[in-house]
Amino acid sequence: NCYLFTPKGSRPLNQLLTSEEILAIVEEILPETLREK
């Protein structure tokens, strides 16, 4: 589950993401200077 944390606490969002989905998010924002790392 994805989690959102607020000043009132945390809550699961009932959304499961695969490794591929998370990788796609990371790859769209990853700075060029970190791509090789």
PDB file of all heavy atoms in Angstrom:
ATOM      1  N   ASN A   1       0.828  -1.205   0.000  1.00  0.00           N
ATOM      2  CA  ASN A   1       0.000   0.000   0.000  1.00  0.00           C
ATOM      3  C   ASN A   1       0.859   1.250   0.000  1.00  0.00           C
ATOM      4  O   ASN A   1       1.881   1.312   0.690  1.00  0.00           O
ATOM      5  CB  ASN A   1      -0.881   0.056   1.255  1.00  0.00           C
ATOM      6  CG  ASN A   1      -2.233  -0.561   1.033  1.00  0.00           C
ATOM      7  OD1 ASN A   1      -2.787  -0.490  -0.050  1.00  0.00           O
ATOM      8  ND2 ASN A   1      -2.769  -1.163   2.084  1.00  0.00           N
ATOM      9  N   CYS A   2       0.439   2.243  -0.748  1.00  0.00           N
ATOM     10  CA  CYS A   2       1.028   3.570  -0.636  1.00  0.00           C
ATOM     11  C   CYS A   2       0.478   4.207   0.637  1.00  0.00           C
ATOM     12  O   CYS A   2      -0.647   3.906   1.047  1.00  0.00           O
ATOM     13  CB  CYS A   2       0.639   4.434  -1.841  1.00  0.00           C
ATOM     14  SG  CYS A   2       1.332   3.873  -3.394  1.00  0.00           S
ATOM     15  N   TYR A   3       1.276   5.071   1.268  1.00  0.00           N
ATOM     16  CA  TYR A   3       0.849   5.738   2.497  1.00  0.00           C
ATOM     17  C   TYR A   3       1.003   7.241   2.356  1.00  0.00           C
ATOM     18  O   TYR A   3       1.976   7.713   1.791  1.00  0.00           O
ATOM     19  CB  TYR A   3       1.692   5.281   3.697  1.00  0.00           C
ATOM     20  CG  TYR A   3       1.229   3.974   4.282  1.00  0.00           C
ATOM     21  CD1 TYR A   3       1.627   2.766   3.733  1.00  0.00           C
ATOM     22  CD2 TYR A   3       0.369   3.954   5.369  1.00  0.00           C
ATOM     23  CE1 TYR A   3       1.201   1.559   4.265  1.00  0.00           C
ATOM     24  CE2 TYR A   3      -0.065   2.754   5.913  1.00  0.00           C
ATOM     25  CZ  TYR A   3       0.357   1.558   5.356  1.00  0.00           C
ATOM     26  OH  TYR A   3      -0.085   0.384   5.879  1.00  0.00           O
ATOM     27  N   LEU A   4       0.045   7.947   2.917  1.00  0.00           N
ATOM     28  CA  LEU A   4       0.119   9.398   3.038  1.00  0.00           C
ATOM     29  C   LEU A   4       0.237   9.722   4.516  1.00  0.00           C
ATOM     30  O   LEU A   4      -0.534   9.219   5.337  1.00  0.00           O
ATOM     31  CB  LEU A   4      -1.129  10.065   2.462  1.00  0.00           C
ATOM     32  CG  LEU A   4      -1.168  11.581   2.605  1.00  0.00           C
ATOM     33  CD1 LEU A   4      -0.100  12.232   1.727  1.00  0.00           C
ATOM     34  CD2 LEU A   4      -2.537  12.127   2.270  1.00  0.00           C
ATOM     35  N   PHE A   5       1.189  10.572   4.841  1.00  0.00           N
ATOM     36  CA  PHE A   5       1.387  11.019   6.214  1.00  0.00           C
ATOM     37  C   PHE A   5       0.993  12.485   6.300  1.00  0.00           C
ATOM     38  O   PHE A   5       1.370  13.286   5.450  1.00  0.00           O
ATOM     39  CB  PHE A   5       2.852  10.852   6.625  1.00  0.00           C
ATOM     40  CG  PHE A   5       3.320   9.425   6.644  1.00  0.00           C
ATOM     41  CD1 PHE A   5       3.653   8.768   5.459  1.00  0.00           C
ATOM     42  CD2 PHE A   5       3.427   8.741   7.835  1.00  0.00           C
ATOM     43  CE1 PHE A   5       4.077   7.456   5.468  1.00  0.00           C
ATOM     44  CE2 PHE A   5       3.853   7.422   7.858  1.00  0.00           C
ATOM     45  CZ  PHE A   5       4.179   6.775   6.662  1.00  0.00           C
ATOM     46  N   THR A   6       0.216  12.808   7.320  1.00  0.00           N
ATOM     47  CA  THR A   6      -0.206  14.180   7.571  1.00  0.00           C
ATOM     48  C   THR A   6       0.082  14.493   9.038  1.00  0.00           C
ATOM     49  O   THR A   6       0.436  13.588   9.806  1.00  0.00           O
ATOM     50  CB  THR A   6      -1.717  14.371   7.303  1.00  0.00           C
ATOM     51  OG1 THR A   6      -2.458  13.647   8.288  1.00  0.00           O
ATOM     52  CG2 THR A   6      -2.109  13.923   5.902  1.00  0.00           C
ATOM     53  N   PRO A   7      -0.093  15.731   9.462  1.00  0.00           N
ATOM     54  CA  PRO A   7       0.092  16.031  10.885  1.00  0.00           C
ATOM     55  C   PRO A   7      -0.842  15.218  11.791  1.00  0.00           C
ATOM     56  O   PRO A   7      -0.561  15.043  12.968  1.00  0.00           O
ATOM     57  CB  PRO A   7      -0.219  17.532  10.977  1.00  0.00           C
ATOM     58  CG  PRO A   7       0.123  18.060   9.621  1.00  0.00           C
ATOM     59  CD  PRO A   7      -0.288  16.963   8.679  1.00  0.00           C
ATOM     60  N   LYS A   8      -1.923  14.692  11.239  1.00  0.00           N
ATOM     61  CA  LYS A   8      -2.881  13.898  12.032  1.00  0.00           C
ATOM     62  C   LYS A   8      -2.524  12.419  12.068  1.00  0.00           C
ATOM     63  O   LYS A   8      -3.174  11.649  12.750  1.00  0.00           O
ATOM     64  CB  LYS A   8      -4.286  14.068  11.467  1.00  0.00           C
ATOM     65  CG  LYS A   8      -4.804  15.480  11.582  1.00  0.00           C
ATOM     66  CD  LYS A   8      -6.176  15.591  10.978  1.00  0.00           C
ATOM     67  CE  LYS A   8      -6.675  17.028  11.031  1.00  0.00           C
ATOM     68  NZ  LYS A   8      -7.974  17.195  10.415  1.00  0.00           N
ATOM     69  N   GLY A   9      -1.523  11.998  11.312  1.00  0.00           N
ATOM     70  CA  GLY A   9      -1.125  10.599  11.306  1.00  0.00           C
ATOM     71  C   GLY A   9      -0.971  10.074   9.888  1.00  0.00           C
ATOM     72  O   GLY A   9      -0.951  10.831   8.922  1.00  0.00           O
ATOM     73  N   SER A  10      -0.890   8.753   9.767  1.00  0.00           N
ATOM     74  CA  SER A  10      -0.706   8.139   8.452  1.00  0.00           C
ATOM     75  C   SER A  10      -1.930   7.323   8.084  1.00  0.00           C
ATOM     76  O   SER A  10      -2.692   6.892   8.942  1.00  0.00           O
ATOM     77  CB  SER A  10       0.533   7.249   8.448  1.00  0.00           C
ATOM     78  OG  SER A  10       0.350   6.139   9.306  1.00  0.00           O
ATOM     79  N   ARG A  11      -2.076   7.135   6.762  1.00  0.00           N
ATOM     80  CA  ARG A  11      -3.184   6.297   6.316  1.00  0.00           C
ATOM     81  C   ARG A  11      -2.803   5.603   5.016  1.00  0.00           C
ATOM     82  O   ARG A  11      -2.163   6.187   4.135  1.00  0.00           O
ATOM     83  CB  ARG A  11      -4.459   7.091   6.146  1.00  0.00           C
ATOM     84  CG  ARG A  11      -4.412   8.143   5.077  1.00  0.00           C
ATOM     85  CD  ARG A  11      -5.743   8.883   5.009  1.00  0.00           C
ATOM     86  NE  ARG A  11      -5.575  10.065   4.190  1.00  0.00           N
ATOM     87  CZ  ARG A  11      -6.293  10.328   3.111  1.00  0.00           C
ATOM     88  NH1 ARG A  11      -7.254   9.513   2.750  1.00  0.00           N
ATOM     89  NH2 ARG A  11      -6.075  11.413   2.414  1.00  0.00           N
ATOM     90  N   PRO A  12      -3.195   4.321   4.918  1.00  0.00           N
ATOM     91  CA  PRO A  12      -2.952   3.607   3.668  1.00  0.00           C
ATOM     92  C   PRO A  12      -3.913   4.115   2.597  1.00  0.00           C
ATOM     93  O   PRO A  12      -5.042   4.504   2.896  1.00  0.00           O
ATOM     94  CB  PRO A  12      -3.229   2.150   4.021  1.00  0.00           C
ATOM     95  CG  PRO A  12      -4.166   2.212   5.174  1.00  0.00           C
ATOM     96  CD  PRO A  12      -3.834   3.479   5.912  1.00  0.00           C
ATOM     97  N   LEU A  13      -3.464   4.121   1.358  1.00  0.00           N
ATOM     98  CA  LEU A  13      -4.281   4.644   0.268  1.00  0.00           C
ATOM     99  C   LEU A  13      -4.928   3.548  -0.562  1.00  0.00           C
ATOM    100  O   LEU A  13      -5.577   3.827  -1.559  1.00  0.00           O
ATOM    101  CB  LEU A  13      -3.432   5.551  -0.627  1.00  0.00           C
ATOM    102  CG  LEU A  13      -2.814   6.735   0.091  1.00  0.00           C
ATOM    103  CD1 LEU A  13      -1.919   7.515  -0.844  1.00  0.00           C
ATOM    104  CD2 LEU A  13      -3.885   7.630   0.689  1.00  0.00           C
ATOM    105  N   ASN A  14      -4.757   2.296  -0.159  1.00  0.00           N
ATOM    106  CA  ASN A  14      -5.327   1.158  -0.881  1.00  0.00           C
ATOM    107  C   ASN A  14      -4.951   1.195  -2.360  1.00  0.00           C
ATOM    108  O   ASN A  14      -5.771   0.957  -3.229  1.00  0.00           O
ATOM    109  CB  ASN A  14      -6.849   1.092  -0.702  1.00  0.00           C
ATOM    110  CG  ASN A  14      -7.222   0.852   0.740  1.00  0.00           C
ATOM    111  OD1 ASN A  14      -6.558   0.104   1.440  1.00  0.00           O
ATOM    112  ND2 ASN A  14      -8.266   1.511   1.190  1.00  0.00           N
ATOM    113  N   GLN A  15      -3.703   1.541  -2.618  1.00  0.00           N
ATOM    114  CA  GLN A  15      -3.165   1.553  -3.973  1.00  0.00           C
ATOM    115  C   GLN A  15      -1.840   0.818  -3.951  1.00  0.00           C
ATOM    116  O   GLN A  15      -0.903   1.214  -3.265  1.00  0.00           O
ATOM    117  CB  GLN A  15      -2.961   2.972  -4.474  1.00  0.00           C
ATOM    118  CG  GLN A  15      -2.200   3.003  -5.772  1.00  0.00           C
ATOM    119  CD  GLN A  15      -2.761   3.991  -6.752  1.00  0.00           C
ATOM    120  OE1 GLN A  15      -3.598   4.797  -6.408  1.00  0.00           O
ATOM    121  NE2 GLN A  15      -2.298   3.917  -7.966  1.00  0.00           N
ATOM    122  N   LEU A  16      -1.785  -0.286  -4.682  1.00  0.00           N
ATOM    123  CA  LEU A  16      -0.555  -1.050  -4.804  1.00  0.00           C
ATOM    124  C   LEU A  16       0.106  -0.695  -6.121  1.00  0.00           C
ATOM    125  O   LEU A  16      -0.553  -0.642  -7.154  1.00  0.00           O
ATOM    126  CB  LEU A  16      -0.844  -2.557  -4.785  1.00  0.00           C
ATOM    127  CG  LEU A  16      -1.581  -3.101  -3.569  1.00  0.00           C
ATOM    128  CD1 LEU A  16      -1.863  -4.578  -3.755  1.00  0.00           C
ATOM    129  CD2 LEU A  16      -0.777  -2.877  -2.311  1.00  0.00           C
ATOM    130  N   LEU A  17       1.397  -0.439  -6.084  1.00  0.00           N
ATOM    131  CA  LEU A  17       2.149  -0.143  -7.302  1.00  0.00           C
ATOM    132  C   LEU A  17       3.193  -1.236  -7.508  1.00  0.00           C
ATOM    133  O   LEU A  17       3.797  -1.706  -6.548  1.00  0.00           O
ATOM    134  CB  LEU A  17       2.842   1.214  -7.199  1.00  0.00           C
ATOM    135  CG  LEU A  17       1.941   2.432  -7.062  1.00  0.00           C
ATOM    136  CD1 LEU A  17       2.781   3.695  -6.858  1.00  0.00           C
ATOM    137  CD2 LEU A  17       1.059   2.592  -8.286  1.00  0.00           C
ATOM    138  N   THR A  18       3.421  -1.591  -8.749  1.00  0.00           N
ATOM    139  CA  THR A  18       4.457  -2.567  -9.069  1.00  0.00           C
ATOM    140  C   THR A  18       5.809  -1.858  -9.118  1.00  0.00           C
ATOM    141  O   THR A  18       5.884  -0.627  -9.185  1.00  0.00           O
ATOM    142  CB  THR A  18       4.194  -3.226 -10.434  1.00  0.00           C
ATOM    143  OG1 THR A  18       4.294  -2.219 -11.450  1.00  0.00           O
ATOM    144  CG2 THR A  18       2.824  -3.886 -10.479  1.00  0.00           C
ATOM    145  N   SER A  19       6.870  -2.638  -9.160  1.00  0.00           N
ATOM    146  CA  SER A  19       8.205  -2.068  -9.305  1.00  0.00           C
ATOM    147  C   SER A  19       8.298  -1.238 -10.578  1.00  0.00           C
ATOM    148  O   SER A  19       8.880  -0.152 -10.584  1.00  0.00           O
ATOM    149  CB  SER A  19       9.267  -3.176  -9.362  1.00  0.00           C
ATOM    150  OG  SER A  19       9.342  -3.851  -8.151  1.00  0.00           O
ATOM    151  N   GLU A  20       7.702  -1.735 -11.652  1.00  0.00           N
ATOM    152  CA  GLU A  20       7.756  -1.034 -12.934  1.00  0.00           C
ATOM    153  C   GLU A  20       7.050   0.322 -12.866  1.00  0.00           C
ATOM    154  O   GLU A  20       7.527   1.306 -13.432  1.00  0.00           O
ATOM    155  CB  GLU A  20       7.139  -1.898 -14.039  1.00  0.00           C
ATOM    156  CG  GLU A  20       7.947  -3.137 -14.381  1.00  0.00           C
ATOM    157  CD  GLU A  20       7.773  -4.285 -13.370  1.00  0.00           C
ATOM    158  OE1 GLU A  20       6.772  -4.306 -12.609  1.00  0.00           O
ATOM    159  OE2 GLU A  20       8.666  -5.149 -13.326  1.00  0.00           O
ATOM    160  N   GLU A  21       5.918   0.379 -12.170  1.00  0.00           N
ATOM    161  CA  GLU A  21       5.191   1.648 -12.037  1.00  0.00           C
ATOM    162  C   GLU A  21       5.993   2.664 -11.219  1.00  0.00           C
ATOM    163  O   GLU A  21       6.050   3.848 -11.564  1.00  0.00           O
ATOM    164  CB  GLU A  21       3.826   1.412 -11.401  1.00  0.00           C
ATOM    165  CG  GLU A  21       2.867   0.660 -12.302  1.00  0.00           C
ATOM    166  CD  GLU A  21       1.605   0.216 -11.597  1.00  0.00           C
ATOM    167  OE1 GLU A  21       1.695  -0.335 -10.468  1.00  0.00           O
ATOM    168  OE2 GLU A  21       0.525   0.416 -12.166  1.00  0.00           O
ATOM    169  N   ILE A  22       6.619   2.199 -10.147  1.00  0.00           N
ATOM    170  CA  ILE A  22       7.429   3.095  -9.319  1.00  0.00           C
ATOM    171  C   ILE A  22       8.672   3.542 -10.086  1.00  0.00           C
ATOM    172  O   ILE A  22       9.048   4.713 -10.050  1.00  0.00           O
ATOM    173  CB  ILE A  22       7.790   2.425  -7.976  1.00  0.00           C
ATOM    174  CG1 ILE A  22       6.509   2.171  -7.159  1.00  0.00           C
ATOM    175  CG2 ILE A  22       8.771   3.295  -7.188  1.00  0.00           C
ATOM    176  CD1 ILE A  22       6.716   1.363  -5.904  1.00  0.00           C
ATOM    177  N   LEU A  23       9.300   2.620 -10.802  1.00  0.00           N
ATOM    178  CA  LEU A  23      10.462   2.976 -11.623  1.00  0.00           C
ATOM    179  C   LEU A  23      10.107   4.047 -12.648  1.00  0.00           C
ATOM    180  O   LEU A  23      10.900   4.962 -12.904  1.00  0.00           O
ATOM    181  CB  LEU A  23      11.019   1.744 -12.330  1.00  0.00           C
ATOM    182  CG  LEU A  23      11.859   0.810 -11.469  1.00  0.00           C
ATOM    183  CD1 LEU A  23      12.142  -0.486 -12.218  1.00  0.00           C
ATOM    184  CD2 LEU A  23      13.135   1.470 -11.022  1.00  0.00           C
ATOM    185  N   ALA A  24       8.932   3.950 -13.237  1.00  0.00           N
ATOM    186  CA  ALA A  24       8.503   4.954 -14.226  1.00  0.00           C
ATOM    187  C   ALA A  24       8.390   6.330 -13.593  1.00  0.00           C
ATOM    188  O   ALA A  24       8.768   7.339 -14.208  1.00  0.00           O
ATOM    189  CB  ALA A  24       7.170   4.535 -14.849  1.00  0.00           C
ATOM    190  N   ILE A  25       7.892   6.394 -12.359  1.00  0.00           N
ATOM    191  CA  ILE A  25       7.797   7.673 -11.646  1.00  0.00           C
ATOM    192  C   ILE A  25       9.193   8.224 -11.373  1.00  0.00           C
ATOM    193  O   ILE A  25       9.468   9.394 -11.616  1.00  0.00           O
ATOM    194  CB  ILE A  25       6.996   7.514 -10.335  1.00  0.00           C
ATOM    195  CG1 ILE A  25       5.537   7.167 -10.646  1.00  0.00           C
ATOM    196  CG2 ILE A  25       7.087   8.783  -9.476  1.00  0.00           C
ATOM    197  CD1 ILE A  25       4.739   6.697  -9.452  1.00  0.00           C
ATOM    198  N   VAL A  26      10.083   7.364 -10.887  1.00  0.00           N
ATOM    199  CA  VAL A  26      11.444   7.802 -10.579  1.00  0.00           C
ATOM    200  C   VAL A  26      12.157   8.279 -11.843  1.00  0.00           C
ATOM    201  O   VAL A  26      12.794   9.330 -11.849  1.00  0.00           O
ATOM    202  CB  VAL A  26      12.249   6.677  -9.899  1.00  0.00           C
ATOM    203  CG1 VAL A  26      13.718   7.064  -9.761  1.00  0.00           C
ATOM    204  CG2 VAL A  26      11.656   6.346  -8.535  1.00  0.00           C
ATOM    205  N   GLU A  27      12.039   7.530 -12.913  1.00  0.00           N
ATOM    206  CA  GLU A  27      12.757   7.874 -14.140  1.00  0.00           C
ATOM    207  C   GLU A  27      12.285   9.195 -14.742  1.00  0.00           C
ATOM    208  O   GLU A  27      13.061   9.883 -15.392  1.00  0.00           O
ATOM    209  CB  GLU A  27      12.663   6.735 -15.139  1.00  0.00           C
ATOM    210  CG  GLU A  27      13.516   5.556 -14.686  1.00  0.00           C
ATOM    211  CD  GLU A  27      13.403   4.339 -15.567  1.00  0.00           C
ATOM    212  OE1 GLU A  27      12.637   4.348 -16.554  1.00  0.00           O
ATOM    213  OE2 GLU A  27      14.093   3.357 -15.259  1.00  0.00           O
ATOM    214  N   GLU A  28      11.036   9.577 -14.500  1.00  0.00           N
ATOM    215  CA  GLU A  28      10.578  10.856 -15.060  1.00  0.00           C
ATOM    216  C   GLU A  28      11.087  12.060 -14.270  1.00  0.00           C
ATOM    217  O   GLU A  28      11.091  13.165 -14.792  1.00  0.00           O
ATOM    218  CB  GLU A  28       9.052  10.896 -15.204  1.00  0.00           C
ATOM    219  CG  GLU A  28       8.275  11.096 -13.942  1.00  0.00           C
ATOM    220  CD  GLU A  28       6.763  11.137 -14.154  1.00  0.00           C
ATOM    221  OE1 GLU A  28       6.277  10.731 -15.213  1.00  0.00           O
ATOM    222  OE2 GLU A  28       6.078  11.574 -13.222  1.00  0.00           O
ATOM    223  N   ILE A  29      11.561  11.861 -13.043  1.00  0.00           N
ATOM    224  CA  ILE A  29      12.034  12.989 -12.230  1.00  0.00           C
ATOM    225  C   ILE A  29      13.512  12.907 -11.861  1.00  0.00           C
ATOM    226  O   ILE A  29      14.059  13.870 -11.329  1.00  0.00           O
ATOM    227  CB  ILE A  29      11.198  13.139 -10.938  1.00  0.00           C
ATOM    228  CG1 ILE A  29      11.332  11.904 -10.052  1.00  0.00           C
ATOM    229  CG2 ILE A  29       9.752  13.453 -11.276  1.00  0.00           C
ATOM    230  CD1 ILE A  29      10.760  12.050  -8.662  1.00  0.00           C
ATOM    231  N   LEU A  30      14.160  11.791 -12.120  1.00  0.00           N
ATOM    232  CA  LEU A  30      15.549  11.592 -11.714  1.00  0.00           C
ATOM    233  C   LEU A  30      16.470  12.596 -12.417  1.00  0.00           C
ATOM    234  O   LEU A  30      16.476  12.679 -13.643  1.00  0.00           O
ATOM    235  CB  LEU A  30      15.982  10.167 -12.054  1.00  0.00           C
ATOM    236  CG  LEU A  30      17.307   9.704 -11.480  1.00  0.00           C
ATOM    237  CD1 LEU A  30      17.256   9.667  -9.954  1.00  0.00           C
ATOM    238  CD2 LEU A  30      17.648   8.322 -12.016  1.00  0.00           C
ATOM    239  N   PRO A  31      17.242  13.362 -11.652  1.00  0.00           N
ATOM    240  CA  PRO A  31      18.171  14.310 -12.276  1.00  0.00           C
ATOM    241  C   PRO A  31      19.220  13.583 -13.124  1.00  0.00           C
ATOM    242  O   PRO A  31      19.647  12.481 -12.779  1.00  0.00           O
ATOM    243  CB  PRO A  31      18.837  14.999 -11.081  1.00  0.00           C
ATOM    244  CG  PRO A  31      17.929  14.756  -9.914  1.00  0.00           C
ATOM    245  CD  PRO A  31      17.264  13.449 -10.190  1.00  0.00           C
ATOM    246  N   GLU A  32      19.629  14.227 -14.203  1.00  0.00           N
ATOM    247  CA  GLU A  32      20.640  13.647 -15.102  1.00  0.00           C
ATOM    248  C   GLU A  32      21.899  13.247 -14.348  1.00  0.00           C
ATOM    249  O   GLU A  32      22.510  12.235 -14.646  1.00  0.00           O
ATOM    250  CB  GLU A  32      21.008  14.640 -16.204  1.00  0.00           C
ATOM    251  CG  GLU A  32      20.068  14.648 -17.374  1.00  0.00           C
ATOM    252  CD  GLU A  32      19.970  13.315 -18.099  1.00  0.00           C
ATOM    253  OE1 GLU A  32      20.997  12.643 -18.325  1.00  0.00           O
ATOM    254  OE2 GLU A  32      18.840  12.952 -18.444  1.00  0.00           O
ATOM    255  N   THR A  33      22.288  14.060 -13.369  1.00  0.00           N
ATOM    256  CA  THR A  33      23.525  13.801 -12.630  1.00  0.00           C
ATOM    257  C   THR A  33      23.474  12.516 -11.811  1.00  0.00           C
ATOM    258  O   THR A  33      24.518  12.004 -11.406  1.00  0.00           O
ATOM    259  CB  THR A  33      23.847  14.973 -11.686  1.00  0.00           C
ATOM    260  OG1 THR A  33      22.735  15.175 -10.803  1.00  0.00           O
ATOM    261  CG2 THR A  33      24.130  16.242 -12.461  1.00  0.00           C
ATOM    262  N   LEU A  34      22.271  11.976 -11.564  1.00  0.00           N
ATOM    263  CA  LEU A  34      22.144  10.757 -10.764  1.00  0.00           C
ATOM    264  C   LEU A  34      21.833   9.516 -11.603  1.00  0.00           C
ATOM    265  O   LEU A  34      21.810   8.415 -11.077  1.00  0.00           O
ATOM    266  CB  LEU A  34      21.055  10.937  -9.700  1.00  0.00           C
ATOM    267  CG  LEU A  34      21.364  11.943  -8.602  1.00  0.00           C
ATOM    268  CD1 LEU A  34      20.189  12.065  -7.641  1.00  0.00           C
ATOM    269  CD2 LEU A  34      22.619  11.547  -7.836  1.00  0.00           C
ATOM    270  N   ARG A  35      21.599   9.678 -12.864  1.00  0.00           N
ATOM    271  CA  ARG A  35      21.197   8.543 -13.705  1.00  0.00           C
ATOM    272  C   ARG A  35      22.207   7.401 -13.680  1.00  0.00           C
ATOM    273  O   ARG A  35      21.830   6.249 -13.601  1.00  0.00           O
ATOM    274  CB  ARG A  35      20.916   8.993 -15.126  1.00  0.00           C
ATOM    275  CG  ARG A  35      19.668   9.856 -15.195  1.00  0.00           C
ATOM    276  CD  ARG A  35      18.990   9.829 -16.540  1.00  0.00           C
ATOM    277  NE  ARG A  35      17.807  10.665 -16.491  1.00  0.00           N
ATOM    278  CZ  ARG A  35      16.592  10.242 -16.154  1.00  0.00           C
ATOM    279  NH1 ARG A  35      16.407   8.982 -15.846  1.00  0.00           N
ATOM    280  NH2 ARG A  35      15.574  11.066 -16.124  1.00  0.00           N
ATOM    281  N   GLU A  36      23.490   7.706 -13.718  1.00  0.00           N
ATOM    282  CA  GLU A  36      24.488   6.639 -13.719  1.00  0.00           C
ATOM    283  C   GLU A  36      24.605   5.962 -12.353  1.00  0.00           C
ATOM    284  O   GLU A  36      25.081   4.842 -12.252  1.00  0.00           O
ATOM    285  CB  GLU A  36      25.846   7.159 -14.179  1.00  0.00           C
ATOM    286  CG  GLU A  36      26.487   8.125 -13.214  1.00  0.00           C
ATOM    287  CD  GLU A  36      27.804   8.681 -13.720  1.00  0.00           C
ATOM    288  OE1 GLU A  36      27.908   8.931 -14.934  1.00  0.00           O
ATOM    289  OE2 GLU A  36      28.707   8.859 -12.895  1.00  0.00           O
ATOM    290  N   LYS A  37      24.165   6.619 -11.306  1.00  0.00           N
ATOM    291  CA  LYS A  37      24.219   6.034  -9.967  1.00  0.00           C
ATOM    292  C   LYS A  37      22.945   5.253  -9.618  1.00  0.00           C
ATOM    293  O   LYS A  37      22.889   4.576  -8.604  1.00  0.00           O
ATOM    294  CB  LYS A  37      24.455   7.126  -8.929  1.00  0.00           C
ATOM    295  CG  LYS A  37      25.781   7.843  -9.125  1.00  0.00           C
ATOM    296  CD  LYS A  37      26.028   8.817  -8.021  1.00  0.00           C
ATOM    297  CE  LYS A  37      27.257   9.638  -8.144  1.00  0.00           C
ATOM    298  NZ  LYS A  37      28.410   9.147  -8.783  1.00  0.00           N
TER     299      LYS A  37
END
